Amino acid sequence: MDFVTDAFAPVFMQRALLGGVLAVVATSLVGTWVVLRGLAFLGDALAHGIIPGVALALLFGFNPLVGAFVAAVVMSGLVTFVSNRTVMRDDTAIGLLFVGMLSLGVVIVSRAGSFATDVTTILFGDALGISASDVRNQFIAAAFVAICTVLLYRPFIALTFNEVKAQTLGMRPKWAQAALMTLLAISIVVSFQTIGTLLVFGLIVAPPATAALLVSRVAMIMVVSMFLGALAVFVGLLVSFHYGTAGGATIAGLCVFQFFLVLAATTAKSAYRTSR
């Protein structure tokens, strides 16, 4: 018991835990749609696309959340623009912007005096450095994502499983897609401080993908994903505190480990049933 209580006795660890759980709530809700629609590459690219905005915020001294959100919106808009104006597939446009935005972000950060520190913080996060105001912002963002998920549940379901039918039912799939991209951007923005832009993709994809191996209903995938993500945050922070590992990387690694652990268990279970 001391192993747990000692780790979460410091206030900064309590804030890290709360901030991590709030990040999991937002990323699990949006990540479920990302996994079900096969938008993993776009999610990864968008996670890296916020780097220029964060870099500019650090360079000029304004709120990194504002810079990250603006960059995410710009990234989403550019992907749509390139896809609509050329004959290239979406993944080509996403790949080009992925590299371009990442390069631009690193170039901007290189202009700062604390290059190594800033790059490390942006890419890998600083779970133990979350402030009370960060937690408040994360709570507001997670609540907003949750409310929008409830209100737009039917359009998102239709968009995920039958876009043509969504169009015939008057659900405006293009608007639903834009709303989903906005929520994805918000979930990335409120999570990168905990786990970093390089690893936030792990929270977006791994817990929902693991949950999809266990349950089939969309709402249950979201709930199970939140539980798995919160467990990874809790255990990851414990390991980070006692063994000095990087908090964000430990959390992301545990999320991926959960997936392969569940995959192995479900595969073994299926093989056992088949052999009987």
C-alpha atoms as a PDB file:
ATOM      1  CA  MET A   1       0.000   0.000   0.000  1.00  0.00           C
ATOM      2  CA  ASP A   2       2.907   2.365   0.772  1.00  0.00           C
ATOM      3  CA  PHE A   3       4.066   1.823  -2.805  1.00  0.00           C
ATOM      4  CA  VAL A   4       0.906   3.602  -3.994  1.00  0.00           C
ATOM      5  CA  THR A   5       0.360   6.153  -1.218  1.00  0.00           C
ATOM      6  CA  ASP A   6       3.965   7.360  -1.290  1.00  0.00           C
ATOM      7  CA  ALA A   7       3.777   7.935  -5.031  1.00  0.00           C
ATOM      8  CA  PHE A   8       0.593   9.999  -4.942  1.00  0.00           C
ATOM      9  CA  ALA A   9       1.259  11.904  -1.731  1.00  0.00           C
ATOM     10  CA  PRO A  10       2.918  14.849  -3.554  1.00  0.00           C
ATOM     11  CA  VAL A  11       0.486  17.380  -4.994  1.00  0.00           C
ATOM     12  CA  PHE A  12       2.214  17.354  -8.380  1.00  0.00           C
ATOM     13  CA  MET A  13       1.578  13.607  -8.662  1.00  0.00           C
ATOM     14  CA  GLN A  14      -2.089  14.088  -7.817  1.00  0.00           C
ATOM     15  CA  ARG A  15      -2.353  16.742 -10.534  1.00  0.00           C
ATOM     16  CA  ALA A  16      -0.544  14.449 -12.968  1.00  0.00           C
ATOM     17  CA  LEU A  17      -3.012  11.644 -12.231  1.00  0.00           C
ATOM     18  CA  LEU A  18      -6.056  13.900 -12.576  1.00  0.00           C
ATOM     19  CA  GLY A  19      -4.712  15.499 -15.739  1.00  0.00           C
ATOM     20  CA  GLY A  20      -3.907  12.101 -17.216  1.00  0.00           C
ATOM     21  CA  VAL A  21      -7.384  10.743 -16.490  1.00  0.00           C
ATOM     22  CA  LEU A  22      -9.038  13.822 -18.012  1.00  0.00           C
ATOM     23  CA  ALA A  23      -6.863  13.377 -21.107  1.00  0.00           C
ATOM     24  CA  VAL A  24      -8.005   9.749 -21.283  1.00  0.00           C
ATOM     25  CA  VAL A  25     -11.665  10.769 -21.154  1.00  0.00           C
ATOM     26  CA  ALA A  26     -11.285  13.102 -24.143  1.00  0.00           C
ATOM     27  CA  THR A  27      -9.059  10.805 -26.188  1.00  0.00           C
ATOM     28  CA  SER A  28     -11.186   7.710 -25.533  1.00  0.00           C
ATOM     29  CA  LEU A  29     -14.375   9.400 -26.720  1.00  0.00           C
ATOM     30  CA  VAL A  30     -12.791  10.738 -29.905  1.00  0.00           C
ATOM     31  CA  GLY A  31     -10.385   7.830 -30.351  1.00  0.00           C
ATOM     32  CA  THR A  32     -13.270   5.370 -30.586  1.00  0.00           C
ATOM     33  CA  TRP A  33     -14.485   7.095 -33.749  1.00  0.00           C
ATOM     34  CA  VAL A  34     -10.914   7.325 -35.061  1.00  0.00           C
ATOM     35  CA  VAL A  35     -10.405   3.566 -34.641  1.00  0.00           C
ATOM     36  CA  LEU A  36     -13.808   2.583 -36.037  1.00  0.00           C
ATOM     37  CA  ARG A  37     -13.429   4.838 -39.079  1.00  0.00           C
ATOM     38  CA  GLY A  38      -9.809   3.887 -39.785  1.00  0.00           C
ATOM     39  CA  LEU A  39      -8.493   7.433 -39.315  1.00  0.00           C
ATOM     40  CA  ALA A  40      -5.393   6.442 -37.357  1.00  0.00           C
ATOM     41  CA  PHE A  41      -2.939   7.992 -39.806  1.00  0.00           C
ATOM     42  CA  LEU A  42      -4.848  11.277 -39.808  1.00  0.00           C
ATOM     43  CA  GLY A  43      -4.909  11.275 -36.018  1.00  0.00           C
ATOM     44  CA  ASP A  44      -1.159  10.696 -35.876  1.00  0.00           C
ATOM     45  CA  ALA A  45      -0.503  13.452 -38.416  1.00  0.00           C
ATOM     46  CA  LEU A  46      -2.753  15.876 -36.544  1.00  0.00           C
ATOM     47  CA  ALA A  47      -0.923  15.114 -33.294  1.00  0.00           C
ATOM     48  CA  HIS A  48       2.331  16.190 -34.954  1.00  0.00           C
ATOM     49  CA  GLY A  49       0.665  19.055 -36.813  1.00  0.00           C
ATOM     50  CA  ILE A  50       0.214  21.052 -33.609  1.00  0.00           C
ATOM     51  CA  ILE A  51       3.982  21.325 -33.064  1.00  0.00           C
ATOM     52  CA  PRO A  52       4.416  24.632 -34.991  1.00  0.00           C
ATOM     53  CA  GLY A  53       1.648  26.228 -32.932  1.00  0.00           C
ATOM     54  CA  VAL A  54       3.157  25.068 -29.655  1.00  0.00           C
ATOM     55  CA  ALA A  55       6.618  26.143 -30.806  1.00  0.00           C
ATOM     56  CA  LEU A  56       5.388  29.648 -31.670  1.00  0.00           C
ATOM     57  CA  ALA A  57       3.682  29.867 -28.276  1.00  0.00           C
ATOM     58  CA  LEU A  58       6.916  28.984 -26.504  1.00  0.00           C
ATOM     59  CA  LEU A  59       8.901  31.400 -28.645  1.00  0.00           C
ATOM     60  CA  PHE A  60       6.582  34.393 -28.169  1.00  0.00           C
ATOM     61  CA  GLY A  61       5.318  33.604 -24.675  1.00  0.00           C
ATOM     62  CA  PHE A  62       1.604  32.981 -25.133  1.00  0.00           C
ATOM     63  CA  ASN A  63      -0.568  30.032 -24.074  1.00  0.00           C
ATOM     64  CA  PRO A  64       0.609  26.795 -25.797  1.00  0.00           C
ATOM     65  CA  LEU A  65      -2.989  25.508 -25.827  1.00  0.00           C
ATOM     66  CA  VAL A  66      -4.042  28.385 -28.070  1.00  0.00           C
ATOM     67  CA  GLY A  67      -1.144  27.812 -30.435  1.00  0.00           C
ATOM     68  CA  ALA A  68      -1.779  24.080 -30.531  1.00  0.00           C
ATOM     69  CA  PHE A  69      -5.467  24.478 -31.304  1.00  0.00           C
ATOM     70  CA  VAL A  70      -4.867  27.001 -34.093  1.00  0.00           C
ATOM     71  CA  ALA A  71      -2.225  24.727 -35.628  1.00  0.00           C
ATOM     72  CA  ALA A  72      -4.577  21.726 -35.422  1.00  0.00           C
ATOM     73  CA  VAL A  73      -7.345  23.646 -37.184  1.00  0.00           C
ATOM     74  CA  VAL A  74      -4.893  24.802 -39.880  1.00  0.00           C
ATOM     75  CA  MET A  75      -3.646  21.235 -40.328  1.00  0.00           C
ATOM     76  CA  SER A  76      -7.197  19.881 -40.718  1.00  0.00           C
ATOM     77  CA  GLY A  77      -8.069  22.620 -43.182  1.00  0.00           C
ATOM     78  CA  LEU A  78      -4.961  22.000 -45.278  1.00  0.00           C
ATOM     79  CA  VAL A  79      -5.658  18.264 -45.477  1.00  0.00           C
ATOM     80  CA  THR A  80      -9.183  18.992 -46.730  1.00  0.00           C
ATOM     81  CA  PHE A  81      -7.943  21.647 -49.150  1.00  0.00           C
ATOM     82  CA  VAL A  82      -5.247  19.451 -50.725  1.00  0.00           C
ATOM     83  CA  SER A  83      -7.626  16.474 -50.963  1.00  0.00           C
ATOM     84  CA  ASN A  84     -10.334  18.541 -52.664  1.00  0.00           C
ATOM     85  CA  ARG A  85      -8.030  20.431 -55.053  1.00  0.00           C
ATOM     86  CA  THR A  86      -5.898  17.531 -56.326  1.00  0.00           C
ATOM     87  CA  VAL A  87      -6.330  13.949 -57.501  1.00  0.00           C
ATOM     88  CA  MET A  88      -4.090  12.678 -54.708  1.00  0.00           C
ATOM     89  CA  ARG A  89      -5.451  10.308 -52.091  1.00  0.00           C
ATOM     90  CA  ASP A  90      -6.018  11.630 -48.593  1.00  0.00           C
ATOM     91  CA  ASP A  91      -3.090   9.658 -47.189  1.00  0.00           C
ATOM     92  CA  THR A  92      -0.683  11.415 -49.589  1.00  0.00           C
ATOM     93  CA  ALA A  93      -1.871  14.842 -48.481  1.00  0.00           C
ATOM     94  CA  ILE A  94      -1.722  13.786 -44.843  1.00  0.00           C
ATOM     95  CA  GLY A  95       1.801  12.405 -45.249  1.00  0.00           C
ATOM     96  CA  LEU A  96       3.085  15.589 -46.896  1.00  0.00           C
ATOM     97  CA  LEU A  97       1.564  17.837 -44.245  1.00  0.00           C
ATOM     98  CA  PHE A  98       2.761  15.481 -41.491  1.00  0.00           C
ATOM     99  CA  VAL A  99       6.401  16.002 -42.483  1.00  0.00           C
ATOM    100  CA  GLY A 100       5.941  19.666 -43.350  1.00  0.00           C
ATOM    101  CA  MET A 101       4.328  20.670 -40.058  1.00  0.00           C
ATOM    102  CA  LEU A 102       6.780  18.606 -38.002  1.00  0.00           C
ATOM    103  CA  SER A 103       9.753  20.176 -39.806  1.00  0.00           C
ATOM    104  CA  LEU A 104       8.330  23.674 -39.402  1.00  0.00           C
ATOM    105  CA  GLY A 105       7.799  23.110 -35.693  1.00  0.00           C
ATOM    106  CA  VAL A 106      11.371  21.940 -35.114  1.00  0.00           C
ATOM    107  CA  VAL A 107      12.743  24.880 -37.140  1.00  0.00           C
ATOM    108  CA  ILE A 108      10.728  27.328 -35.022  1.00  0.00           C
ATOM    109  CA  VAL A 109      11.833  25.723 -31.764  1.00  0.00           C
ATOM    110  CA  SER A 110      15.452  25.829 -32.924  1.00  0.00           C
ATOM    111  CA  ARG A 111      15.206  29.617 -32.785  1.00  0.00           C
ATOM    112  CA  ALA A 112      14.636  29.421 -29.035  1.00  0.00           C
ATOM    113  CA  GLY A 113      17.513  29.449 -26.590  1.00  0.00           C
ATOM    114  CA  SER A 114      16.397  26.304 -24.764  1.00  0.00           C
ATOM    115  CA  PHE A 115      16.084  24.139 -27.882  1.00  0.00           C
ATOM    116  CA  ALA A 116      16.705  20.718 -26.304  1.00  0.00           C
ATOM    117  CA  THR A 117      14.399  21.352 -23.335  1.00  0.00           C
ATOM    118  CA  ASP A 118      11.570  22.765 -25.452  1.00  0.00           C
ATOM    119  CA  VAL A 119      11.708  19.957 -28.020  1.00  0.00           C
ATOM    120  CA  THR A 120      11.705  17.307 -25.295  1.00  0.00           C
ATOM    121  CA  THR A 121       8.705  18.894 -23.566  1.00  0.00           C
ATOM    122  CA  ILE A 122       6.726  19.248 -26.805  1.00  0.00           C
ATOM    123  CA  LEU A 123       7.460  15.746 -28.102  1.00  0.00           C
ATOM    124  CA  PHE A 124       7.280  13.767 -24.862  1.00  0.00           C
ATOM    125  CA  GLY A 125       5.215  15.945 -22.536  1.00  0.00           C
ATOM    126  CA  ASP A 126       5.727  16.772 -18.877  1.00  0.00           C
ATOM    127  CA  ALA A 127       3.157  14.829 -16.877  1.00  0.00           C
ATOM    128  CA  LEU A 128       4.676  15.883 -13.564  1.00  0.00           C
ATOM    129  CA  GLY A 129       4.660  19.562 -14.487  1.00  0.00           C
ATOM    130  CA  ILE A 130       0.894  19.943 -14.921  1.00  0.00           C
ATOM    131  CA  SER A 131      -0.444  22.963 -13.047  1.00  0.00           C
ATOM    132  CA  ALA A 132      -3.830  23.574 -11.460  1.00  0.00           C
ATOM    133  CA  SER A 133      -4.812  25.795 -14.390  1.00  0.00           C
ATOM    134  CA  ASP A 134      -3.828  23.009 -16.807  1.00  0.00           C
ATOM    135  CA  VAL A 135      -6.131  20.616 -14.972  1.00  0.00           C
ATOM    136  CA  ARG A 136      -8.953  23.159 -15.113  1.00  0.00           C
ATOM    137  CA  ASN A 137      -8.491  23.614 -18.862  1.00  0.00           C
ATOM    138  CA  GLN A 138      -8.413  19.853 -19.351  1.00  0.00           C
ATOM    139  CA  PHE A 139     -11.634  19.454 -17.379  1.00  0.00           C
ATOM    140  CA  ILE A 140     -13.416  22.072 -19.497  1.00  0.00           C
ATOM    141  CA  ALA A 141     -12.166  20.497 -22.719  1.00  0.00           C
ATOM    142  CA  ALA A 142     -13.048  16.951 -21.642  1.00  0.00           C
ATOM    143  CA  ALA A 143     -16.539  18.086 -20.623  1.00  0.00           C
ATOM    144  CA  PHE A 144     -16.983  19.837 -23.981  1.00  0.00           C
ATOM    145  CA  VAL A 145     -15.871  16.722 -25.894  1.00  0.00           C
ATOM    146  CA  ALA A 146     -18.219  14.548 -23.813  1.00  0.00           C
ATOM    147  CA  ILE A 147     -21.222  16.842 -24.399  1.00  0.00           C
ATOM    148  CA  CYS A 148     -20.538  17.034 -28.148  1.00  0.00           C
ATOM    149  CA  THR A 149     -20.140  13.254 -28.327  1.00  0.00           C
ATOM    150  CA  VAL A 150     -23.570  12.780 -26.768  1.00  0.00           C
ATOM    151  CA  LEU A 151     -25.235  15.419 -28.962  1.00  0.00           C
ATOM    152  CA  LEU A 152     -23.595  14.190 -32.183  1.00  0.00           C
ATOM    153  CA  TYR A 153     -23.726  10.477 -31.397  1.00  0.00           C
ATOM    154  CA  ARG A 154     -26.244   9.585 -34.128  1.00  0.00           C
ATOM    155  CA  PRO A 155     -24.517  11.595 -36.899  1.00  0.00           C
ATOM    156  CA  PHE A 156     -21.153  10.085 -35.905  1.00  0.00           C
ATOM    157  CA  ILE A 157     -22.622   6.571 -35.922  1.00  0.00           C
ATOM    158  CA  ALA A 158     -24.130   7.116 -39.375  1.00  0.00           C
ATOM    159  CA  LEU A 159     -20.887   8.635 -40.662  1.00  0.00           C
ATOM    160  CA  THR A 160     -18.877   5.705 -39.316  1.00  0.00           C
ATOM    161  CA  PHE A 161     -20.948   2.827 -40.661  1.00  0.00           C
ATOM    162  CA  ASN A 162     -22.837   4.190 -43.663  1.00  0.00           C
ATOM    163  CA  GLU A 163     -21.888   7.614 -44.992  1.00  0.00           C
ATOM    164  CA  VAL A 164     -24.258   7.318 -47.969  1.00  0.00           C
ATOM    165  CA  LYS A 165     -27.209   6.600 -45.679  1.00  0.00           C
ATOM    166  CA  ALA A 166     -26.185   9.489 -43.460  1.00  0.00           C
ATOM    167  CA  GLN A 167     -26.431  11.741 -46.509  1.00  0.00           C
ATOM    168  CA  THR A 168     -29.899  10.447 -47.439  1.00  0.00           C
ATOM    169  CA  LEU A 169     -31.098  10.915 -43.862  1.00  0.00           C
ATOM    170  CA  GLY A 170     -30.042  14.558 -43.989  1.00  0.00           C
ATOM    171  CA  MET A 171     -27.346  14.212 -41.345  1.00  0.00           C
ATOM    172  CA  ARG A 172     -24.817  16.210 -43.357  1.00  0.00           C
ATOM    173  CA  PRO A 173     -21.789  13.896 -43.154  1.00  0.00           C
ATOM    174  CA  LYS A 174     -19.381  16.675 -44.183  1.00  0.00           C
ATOM    175  CA  TRP A 175     -20.419  18.732 -41.174  1.00  0.00           C
ATOM    176  CA  ALA A 176     -20.180  15.655 -38.958  1.00  0.00           C
ATOM    177  CA  GLN A 177     -16.683  15.025 -40.321  1.00  0.00           C
ATOM    178  CA  ALA A 178     -15.695  18.628 -39.569  1.00  0.00           C
ATOM    179  CA  ALA A 179     -17.090  18.316 -36.039  1.00  0.00           C
ATOM    180  CA  LEU A 180     -15.179  15.081 -35.486  1.00  0.00           C
ATOM    181  CA  MET A 181     -11.923  16.679 -36.670  1.00  0.00           C
ATOM    182  CA  THR A 182     -12.523  19.601 -34.308  1.00  0.00           C
ATOM    183  CA  LEU A 183     -13.075  17.263 -31.357  1.00  0.00           C
ATOM    184  CA  LEU A 184      -9.974  15.296 -32.346  1.00  0.00           C
ATOM    185  CA  ALA A 185      -7.968  18.512 -32.378  1.00  0.00           C
ATOM    186  CA  ILE A 186      -9.291  19.487 -28.943  1.00  0.00           C
ATOM    187  CA  SER A 187      -8.503  16.067 -27.456  1.00  0.00           C
ATOM    188  CA  ILE A 188      -4.942  16.265 -28.805  1.00  0.00           C
ATOM    189  CA  VAL A 189      -4.451  19.809 -27.556  1.00  0.00           C
ATOM    190  CA  VAL A 190      -5.555  19.018 -23.993  1.00  0.00           C
ATOM    191  CA  SER A 191      -3.479  15.821 -23.868  1.00  0.00           C
ATOM    192  CA  PHE A 192      -0.107  16.813 -25.288  1.00  0.00           C
ATOM    193  CA  GLN A 193       1.039  18.480 -22.050  1.00  0.00           C
ATOM    194  CA  THR A 194       0.626  15.179 -20.243  1.00  0.00           C
ATOM    195  CA  ILE A 195       2.042  12.784 -22.787  1.00  0.00           C
ATOM    196  CA  GLY A 196       3.585  14.892 -25.568  1.00  0.00           C
ATOM    197  CA  THR A 197       2.757  15.259 -29.248  1.00  0.00           C
ATOM    198  CA  LEU A 198       4.865  12.247 -30.182  1.00  0.00           C
ATOM    199  CA  LEU A 199       2.995   9.909 -27.823  1.00  0.00           C
ATOM    200  CA  VAL A 200      -0.523  11.361 -27.586  1.00  0.00           C
ATOM    201  CA  PHE A 201      -1.421   9.180 -30.554  1.00  0.00           C
ATOM    202  CA  GLY A 202      -1.008   6.209 -28.189  1.00  0.00           C
ATOM    203  CA  LEU A 203      -3.844   7.468 -25.990  1.00  0.00           C
ATOM    204  CA  ILE A 204      -6.052   8.191 -28.988  1.00  0.00           C
ATOM    205  CA  VAL A 205      -5.708   4.777 -30.629  1.00  0.00           C
ATOM    206  CA  ALA A 206      -4.441   2.117 -28.197  1.00  0.00           C
ATOM    207  CA  PRO A 207      -7.171   2.102 -25.478  1.00  0.00           C
ATOM    208  CA  PRO A 208     -10.097   2.215 -27.980  1.00  0.00           C
ATOM    209  CA  ALA A 209      -8.442  -0.462 -30.136  1.00  0.00           C
ATOM    210  CA  THR A 210      -7.972  -2.657 -27.068  1.00  0.00           C
ATOM    211  CA  ALA A 211     -11.553  -2.052 -25.968  1.00  0.00           C
ATOM    212  CA  ALA A 212     -12.798  -3.011 -29.453  1.00  0.00           C
ATOM    213  CA  LEU A 213     -11.241  -6.450 -28.930  1.00  0.00           C
ATOM    214  CA  LEU A 214     -13.350  -6.933 -25.802  1.00  0.00           C
ATOM    215  CA  VAL A 215     -16.724  -5.350 -26.616  1.00  0.00           C
ATOM    216  CA  SER A 216     -18.639  -4.502 -29.779  1.00  0.00           C
ATOM    217  CA  ARG A 217     -21.080  -1.726 -28.881  1.00  0.00           C
ATOM    218  CA  VAL A 218     -19.722   1.757 -29.528  1.00  0.00           C
ATOM    219  CA  ALA A 219     -20.757   3.172 -26.153  1.00  0.00           C
ATOM    220  CA  MET A 220     -19.149   0.233 -24.341  1.00  0.00           C
ATOM    221  CA  ILE A 221     -15.949   0.650 -26.357  1.00  0.00           C
ATOM    222  CA  MET A 222     -15.767   4.219 -25.035  1.00  0.00           C
ATOM    223  CA  VAL A 223     -16.355   3.147 -21.431  1.00  0.00           C
ATOM    224  CA  VAL A 224     -13.875   0.246 -21.513  1.00  0.00           C
ATOM    225  CA  SER A 225     -11.347   2.480 -23.285  1.00  0.00           C
ATOM    226  CA  MET A 226     -11.576   5.043 -20.487  1.00  0.00           C
ATOM    227  CA  PHE A 227     -11.014   2.340 -17.881  1.00  0.00           C
ATOM    228  CA  LEU A 228      -7.997   0.910 -19.722  1.00  0.00           C
ATOM    229  CA  GLY A 229      -6.527   4.360 -20.341  1.00  0.00           C
ATOM    230  CA  ALA A 230      -6.995   5.422 -16.725  1.00  0.00           C
ATOM    231  CA  LEU A 231      -5.347   2.186 -15.579  1.00  0.00           C
ATOM    232  CA  ALA A 232      -2.368   2.879 -17.858  1.00  0.00           C
ATOM    233  CA  VAL A 233      -2.082   6.418 -16.469  1.00  0.00           C
ATOM    234  CA  PHE A 234      -2.214   5.177 -12.865  1.00  0.00           C
ATOM    235  CA  VAL A 235       0.327   2.395 -13.334  1.00  0.00           C
ATOM    236  CA  GLY A 236       2.503   4.530 -15.611  1.00  0.00           C
ATOM    237  CA  LEU A 237       2.787   7.292 -13.024  1.00  0.00           C
ATOM    238  CA  LEU A 238       3.596   4.738 -10.320  1.00  0.00           C
ATOM    239  CA  VAL A 239       6.402   3.289 -12.416  1.00  0.00           C
ATOM    240  CA  SER A 240       7.630   6.760 -13.357  1.00  0.00           C
ATOM    241  CA  PHE A 241       7.737   7.906  -9.725  1.00  0.00           C
ATOM    242  CA  HIS A 242       9.488   4.871  -8.260  1.00  0.00           C
ATOM    243  CA  TYR A 243      11.829   3.973 -11.119  1.00  0.00           C
ATOM    244  CA  GLY A 244      12.530   7.348 -12.698  1.00  0.00           C
ATOM    245  CA  THR A 245      11.139   6.599 -16.160  1.00  0.00           C
ATOM    246  CA  ALA A 246       9.628   9.231 -18.455  1.00  0.00           C
ATOM    247  CA  GLY A 247       5.965   9.576 -17.452  1.00  0.00           C
ATOM    248  CA  GLY A 248       4.437  10.142 -20.906  1.00  0.00           C
ATOM    249  CA  ALA A 249       6.437   7.380 -22.569  1.00  0.00           C
ATOM    250  CA  THR A 250       5.619   4.929 -19.777  1.00  0.00           C
ATOM    251  CA  ILE A 251       1.892   5.643 -20.062  1.00  0.00           C
ATOM    252  CA  ALA A 252       1.913   5.317 -23.858  1.00  0.00           C
ATOM    253  CA  GLY A 253       3.950   2.124 -23.687  1.00  0.00           C
ATOM    254  CA  LEU A 254       1.528   0.569 -21.214  1.00  0.00           C
ATOM    255  CA  CYS A 255      -1.411   1.428 -23.480  1.00  0.00           C
ATOM    256  CA  VAL A 256       0.234  -0.454 -26.344  1.00  0.00           C
ATOM    257  CA  PHE A 257       1.173  -3.319 -24.014  1.00  0.00           C
ATOM    258  CA  GLN A 258      -2.470  -3.644 -22.974  1.00  0.00           C
ATOM    259  CA  PHE A 259      -3.475  -4.053 -26.609  1.00  0.00           C
ATOM    260  CA  PHE A 260      -1.062  -6.902 -27.310  1.00  0.00           C
ATOM    261  CA  LEU A 261      -1.855  -8.546 -23.971  1.00  0.00           C
ATOM    262  CA  VAL A 262      -5.587  -8.551 -24.731  1.00  0.00           C
ATOM    263  CA  LEU A 263      -4.927  -9.593 -28.329  1.00  0.00           C
ATOM    264  CA  ALA A 264      -2.896 -12.569 -27.143  1.00  0.00           C
ATOM    265  CA  ALA A 265      -5.588 -13.542 -24.632  1.00  0.00           C
ATOM    266  CA  THR A 266      -8.450 -13.293 -27.122  1.00  0.00           C
ATOM    267  CA  THR A 267      -6.458 -15.189 -29.769  1.00  0.00           C
ATOM    268  CA  ALA A 268      -5.653 -17.969 -27.309  1.00  0.00           C
ATOM    269  CA  LYS A 269      -9.314 -18.122 -26.260  1.00  0.00           C
ATOM    270  CA  SER A 270     -10.459 -18.393 -29.890  1.00  0.00           C
ATOM    271  CA  ALA A 271      -7.883 -21.100 -30.615  1.00  0.00           C
ATOM    272  CA  TYR A 272      -9.006 -23.064 -27.560  1.00  0.00           C
ATOM    273  CA  ARG A 273     -12.674 -22.898 -28.629  1.00  0.00           C
ATOM    274  CA  THR A 274     -11.780 -23.995 -32.152  1.00  0.00           C
ATOM    275  CA  SER A 275      -9.763 -26.980 -30.938  1.00  0.00           C
ATOM    276  CA  ARG A 276     -12.598 -28.291 -28.777  1.00  0.00           C
END
